Amino acid sequence: MKPLHKSLIYAGVLVVLGLVFALYTRPDFVMTLANQVWGCF
C-alpha cells in the first residue's frame, strides 16, 4: 500500500471519528441513542 493511500485512509477515519464524537455534544442525540439501545432489551 502506498504511503499516500494509507494517509488518506487515516485522514478519512479521523474525520468520521470526529463527526461521531461531535454528535455526543448534543444531549438530544445521546438520549435518542440510549433509548434505542435500551429498547433492544
C-alpha atoms as a PDB file:
ATOM      1  CA  MET A   1       0.000   0.000   0.000  1.00  0.00           C
ATOM      2  CA  LYS A   2       1.367   3.400  -0.947  1.00  0.00           C
ATOM      3  CA  PRO A   3       2.078   5.907   1.831  1.00  0.00           C
ATOM      4  CA  LEU A   4      -0.283   8.481   0.290  1.00  0.00           C
ATOM      5  CA  HIS A   5      -3.104   5.945   0.112  1.00  0.00           C
ATOM      6  CA  LYS A   6      -2.518   4.955   3.729  1.00  0.00           C
ATOM      7  CA  SER A   7      -2.521   8.608   4.827  1.00  0.00           C
ATOM      8  CA  LEU A   8      -5.824   9.242   3.057  1.00  0.00           C
ATOM      9  CA  ILE A   9      -7.394   6.257   4.802  1.00  0.00           C
ATOM     10  CA  TYR A  10      -6.191   7.504   8.194  1.00  0.00           C
ATOM     11  CA  ALA A  11      -7.487  11.006   7.448  1.00  0.00           C
ATOM     12  CA  GLY A  12     -10.898   9.605   6.486  1.00  0.00           C
ATOM     13  CA  VAL A  13     -11.088   7.546   9.658  1.00  0.00           C
ATOM     14  CA  LEU A  14     -10.187  10.582  11.766  1.00  0.00           C
ATOM     15  CA  VAL A  15     -12.888  12.675  10.089  1.00  0.00           C
ATOM     16  CA  VAL A  16     -15.527  10.006  10.743  1.00  0.00           C
ATOM     17  CA  LEU A  17     -14.446   9.655  14.376  1.00  0.00           C
ATOM     18  CA  GLY A  18     -14.531  13.420  14.792  1.00  0.00           C
ATOM     19  CA  LEU A  19     -18.077  13.580  13.458  1.00  0.00           C
ATOM     20  CA  VAL A  20     -19.204  10.775  15.765  1.00  0.00           C
ATOM     21  CA  PHE A  21     -17.654  12.466  18.795  1.00  0.00           C
ATOM     22  CA  ALA A  22     -19.249  15.779  17.772  1.00  0.00           C
ATOM     23  CA  LEU A  23     -22.675  14.110  17.884  1.00  0.00           C
ATOM     24  CA  TYR A  24     -22.133  13.283  21.555  1.00  0.00           C
ATOM     25  CA  THR A  25     -22.100  17.002  22.392  1.00  0.00           C
ATOM     26  CA  ARG A  26     -25.809  17.073  21.543  1.00  0.00           C
ATOM     27  CA  PRO A  27     -27.852  15.818  24.524  1.00  0.00           C
ATOM     28  CA  ASP A  28     -30.931  15.040  22.409  1.00  0.00           C
ATOM     29  CA  PHE A  29     -28.897  12.701  20.201  1.00  0.00           C
ATOM     30  CA  VAL A  30     -27.419  10.919  23.222  1.00  0.00           C
ATOM     31  CA  MET A  31     -30.871  10.400  24.765  1.00  0.00           C
ATOM     32  CA  THR A  32     -32.292   9.100  21.483  1.00  0.00           C
ATOM     33  CA  LEU A  33     -29.392   6.694  21.095  1.00  0.00           C
ATOM     34  CA  ALA A  34     -29.742   5.496  24.699  1.00  0.00           C
ATOM     35  CA  ASN A  35     -33.481   4.915  24.240  1.00  0.00           C
ATOM     36  CA  GLN A  36     -32.896   2.925  21.056  1.00  0.00           C
ATOM     37  CA  VAL A  37     -30.239   0.759  22.707  1.00  0.00           C
ATOM     38  CA  TRP A  38     -32.437   0.247  25.788  1.00  0.00           C
ATOM     39  CA  GLY A  39     -35.347  -0.702  23.520  1.00  0.00           C
ATOM     40  CA  CYS A  40     -33.392  -3.736  22.293  1.00  0.00           C
ATOM     41  CA  PHE A  41     -33.618  -5.412  25.722  1.00  0.00           C
END
